[in-house]
Amino acid sequence: MSITQQYVLDAYRAQRLGQSAPPAPGLHEWQVVREWRDRRAFQAVVAERPARGRLRHTLGRWLHPRPRSTS
């Protein structure tokens, strides 16, 4: 049974019992992603790391490595 079919079945049951319908699947996914991103930024600040641009900085180091000095 797919998620959509399960949602339709749950909505039908809720209507028959006089209850409110459950939230549609995928309705709150962006809110979860935002909260996850905010939590990671907070943890970075607490650990005294930059909260923004870490991925770009890392990719830049991989794509454009600095030449090693020969001492």
N, C-alpha and C. Protein backbone atom coordinates (compact mmCIF):
# COMPACT_ATOMS: atom_id res chain seq x y z
N MET A 1 0.84 -1.16 0.00
CA MET A 1 0.00 0.00 0.00
C MET A 1 0.90 1.24 0.00
N SER A 2 0.59 2.18 -0.87
CA SER A 2 1.40 3.38 -0.96
C SER A 2 1.02 4.37 0.15
N ILE A 3 1.83 5.40 0.31
CA ILE A 3 1.56 6.42 1.32
C ILE A 3 0.25 7.14 1.02
N THR A 4 0.01 7.40 -0.26
CA THR A 4 -1.21 8.10 -0.65
C THR A 4 -2.44 7.25 -0.35
N GLN A 5 -2.38 5.98 -0.65
CA GLN A 5 -3.50 5.09 -0.36
C GLN A 5 -3.76 5.00 1.14
N GLN A 6 -2.69 4.93 1.92
CA GLN A 6 -2.85 4.87 3.38
C GLN A 6 -3.48 6.16 3.90
N TYR A 7 -3.06 7.30 3.35
CA TYR A 7 -3.62 8.59 3.76
C TYR A 7 -5.12 8.66 3.45
N VAL A 8 -5.50 8.23 2.24
CA VAL A 8 -6.91 8.25 1.86
C VAL A 8 -7.73 7.35 2.78
N LEU A 9 -7.21 6.19 3.10
CA LEU A 9 -7.90 5.27 4.00
C LEU A 9 -8.04 5.88 5.40
N ASP A 10 -6.97 6.50 5.92
CA ASP A 10 -7.03 7.13 7.23
C ASP A 10 -8.00 8.31 7.25
N ALA A 11 -8.01 9.08 6.17
CA ALA A 11 -8.94 10.22 6.08
C ALA A 11 -10.38 9.73 6.04
N TYR A 12 -10.63 8.65 5.32
CA TYR A 12 -11.98 8.08 5.25
C TYR A 12 -12.42 7.58 6.63
N ARG A 13 -11.54 6.87 7.31
CA ARG A 13 -11.87 6.37 8.65
C ARG A 13 -12.15 7.52 9.62
N ALA A 14 -11.33 8.56 9.55
CA ALA A 14 -11.52 9.71 10.43
C ALA A 14 -12.86 10.40 10.15
N GLN A 15 -13.21 10.51 8.89
CA GLN A 15 -14.48 11.13 8.54
C GLN A 15 -15.65 10.30 9.06
N ARG A 16 -15.56 8.99 8.92
CA ARG A 16 -16.63 8.09 9.39
C ARG A 16 -16.79 8.16 10.90
N LEU A 17 -15.67 8.37 11.62
CA LEU A 17 -15.72 8.43 13.08
C LEU A 17 -15.95 9.85 13.61
N GLY A 18 -16.05 10.81 12.70
CA GLY A 18 -16.28 12.19 13.11
C GLY A 18 -15.04 12.88 13.67
N GLN A 19 -13.87 12.40 13.31
CA GLN A 19 -12.62 12.99 13.78
C GLN A 19 -12.01 13.85 12.68
N SER A 20 -11.00 14.62 13.05
CA SER A 20 -10.32 15.43 12.05
C SER A 20 -9.40 14.55 11.22
N ALA A 21 -9.20 14.95 9.97
CA ALA A 21 -8.36 14.17 9.06
C ALA A 21 -6.90 14.32 9.45
N PRO A 22 -6.09 13.29 9.22
CA PRO A 22 -4.65 13.39 9.52
C PRO A 22 -3.98 14.35 8.55
N PRO A 23 -2.79 14.86 8.89
CA PRO A 23 -2.09 15.75 7.95
C PRO A 23 -1.66 14.99 6.70
N ALA A 24 -1.65 15.68 5.60
CA ALA A 24 -1.26 15.07 4.33
C ALA A 24 0.21 14.67 4.38
N PRO A 25 0.59 13.59 3.70
CA PRO A 25 1.99 13.18 3.70
C PRO A 25 2.86 14.24 3.02
N GLY A 26 4.02 14.50 3.62
CA GLY A 26 4.95 15.46 3.06
C GLY A 26 4.65 16.90 3.41
N LEU A 27 3.65 17.14 4.23
CA LEU A 27 3.22 18.49 4.54
C LEU A 27 4.25 19.24 5.36
N HIS A 28 4.92 18.56 6.28
CA HIS A 28 5.84 19.22 7.21
C HIS A 28 7.30 18.90 6.95
N GLU A 29 7.62 18.34 5.79
CA GLU A 29 9.01 17.93 5.53
C GLU A 29 9.96 19.12 5.48
N TRP A 30 9.55 20.24 4.88
CA TRP A 30 10.44 21.40 4.80
C TRP A 30 10.71 21.98 6.17
N GLN A 31 9.71 21.92 7.05
CA GLN A 31 9.93 22.42 8.41
C GLN A 31 10.97 21.56 9.12
N VAL A 32 10.93 20.26 8.91
CA VAL A 32 11.92 19.37 9.52
C VAL A 32 13.32 19.67 8.98
N VAL A 33 13.42 19.91 7.68
CA VAL A 33 14.73 20.22 7.09
C VAL A 33 15.27 21.53 7.66
N ARG A 34 14.40 22.55 7.79
CA ARG A 34 14.85 23.83 8.35
C ARG A 34 15.32 23.67 9.79
N GLU A 35 14.57 22.90 10.59
CA GLU A 35 14.96 22.69 11.98
C GLU A 35 16.28 21.94 12.07
N TRP A 36 16.48 20.96 11.20
CA TRP A 36 17.74 20.21 11.19
C TRP A 36 18.90 21.13 10.84
N ARG A 37 18.72 22.00 9.82
CA ARG A 37 19.76 22.94 9.42
C ARG A 37 20.07 23.92 10.55
N ASP A 38 19.04 24.44 11.20
CA ASP A 38 19.25 25.37 12.31
C ASP A 38 19.99 24.70 13.46
N ARG A 39 19.65 23.47 13.74
CA ARG A 39 20.33 22.74 14.83
C ARG A 39 21.80 22.54 14.52
N ARG A 40 22.12 22.18 13.26
CA ARG A 40 23.53 22.00 12.88
C ARG A 40 24.29 23.31 12.98
N ALA A 41 23.66 24.41 12.59
CA ALA A 41 24.32 25.72 12.68
C ALA A 41 24.56 26.07 14.15
N PHE A 42 23.59 25.79 15.00
CA PHE A 42 23.75 26.07 16.43
C PHE A 42 24.89 25.25 17.01
N GLN A 43 24.95 23.96 16.67
CA GLN A 43 26.01 23.10 17.19
C GLN A 43 27.38 23.57 16.69
N ALA A 44 27.44 24.09 15.47
CA ALA A 44 28.71 24.60 14.96
C ALA A 44 29.16 25.82 15.74
N VAL A 45 28.23 26.70 16.07
CA VAL A 45 28.57 27.91 16.83
C VAL A 45 29.03 27.53 18.23
N VAL A 46 28.34 26.58 18.86
CA VAL A 46 28.72 26.15 20.20
C VAL A 46 30.11 25.53 20.19
N ALA A 47 30.44 24.81 19.12
CA ALA A 47 31.76 24.17 19.00
C ALA A 47 32.81 25.13 18.46
N GLU A 48 32.45 26.42 18.31
CA GLU A 48 33.35 27.47 17.83
C GLU A 48 33.88 27.18 16.43
N ARG A 49 32.98 26.72 15.56
CA ARG A 49 33.28 26.54 14.15
C ARG A 49 32.41 27.50 13.36
N PRO A 50 32.77 27.82 12.12
CA PRO A 50 31.91 28.69 11.33
C PRO A 50 30.56 28.02 11.07
N ALA A 51 29.49 28.77 11.22
CA ALA A 51 28.16 28.20 11.05
C ALA A 51 27.74 28.15 9.59
N ARG A 52 28.34 28.99 8.75
CA ARG A 52 27.95 29.04 7.33
C ARG A 52 29.18 28.87 6.45
N GLY A 53 28.96 28.29 5.28
CA GLY A 53 30.02 28.19 4.29
C GLY A 53 30.98 27.05 4.50
N ARG A 54 30.69 26.14 5.39
CA ARG A 54 31.63 25.04 5.65
C ARG A 54 31.73 24.10 4.46
N LEU A 55 30.60 23.80 3.83
CA LEU A 55 30.62 22.88 2.69
C LEU A 55 31.37 23.50 1.52
N ARG A 56 31.09 24.77 1.24
CA ARG A 56 31.78 25.44 0.13
C ARG A 56 33.28 25.51 0.40
N HIS A 57 33.66 25.78 1.63
CA HIS A 57 35.08 25.85 1.99
C HIS A 57 35.75 24.49 1.77
N THR A 58 35.09 23.42 2.21
CA THR A 58 35.65 22.08 2.06
C THR A 58 35.77 21.69 0.59
N LEU A 59 34.73 21.96 -0.18
CA LEU A 59 34.79 21.63 -1.61
C LEU A 59 35.87 22.45 -2.30
N GLY A 60 36.04 23.70 -1.90
CA GLY A 60 37.09 24.53 -2.47
C GLY A 60 38.47 23.97 -2.19
N ARG A 61 38.67 23.44 -0.99
CA ARG A 61 39.97 22.83 -0.67
C ARG A 61 40.21 21.59 -1.51
N TRP A 62 39.16 20.81 -1.77
CA TRP A 62 39.32 19.60 -2.57
C TRP A 62 39.58 19.93 -4.04
N LEU A 63 38.85 20.92 -4.55
CA LEU A 63 38.96 21.24 -5.97
C LEU A 63 40.18 22.07 -6.30
N HIS A 64 40.63 22.89 -5.36
CA HIS A 64 41.77 23.78 -5.60
C HIS A 64 42.78 23.62 -4.47
N PRO A 65 43.47 22.50 -4.42
CA PRO A 65 44.43 22.31 -3.33
C PRO A 65 45.62 23.25 -3.49
N ARG A 66 46.09 23.72 -2.37
CA ARG A 66 47.28 24.58 -2.39
C ARG A 66 48.52 23.72 -2.58
N PRO A 67 49.49 24.24 -3.33
CA PRO A 67 50.72 23.45 -3.49
C PRO A 67 51.45 23.36 -2.15
N ARG A 68 52.00 22.21 -1.90
CA ARG A 68 52.74 22.00 -0.65
C ARG A 68 54.11 22.64 -0.73
N SER A 69 54.49 23.26 0.33
CA SER A 69 55.82 23.88 0.35
C SER A 69 56.87 22.80 0.65
N THR A 70 57.98 22.88 -0.03
CA THR A 70 59.07 21.93 0.19
C THR A 70 60.13 22.58 1.05
N SER A 71 60.14 22.21 2.31
CA SER A 71 61.11 22.81 3.23
C SER A 71 62.13 21.82 3.67
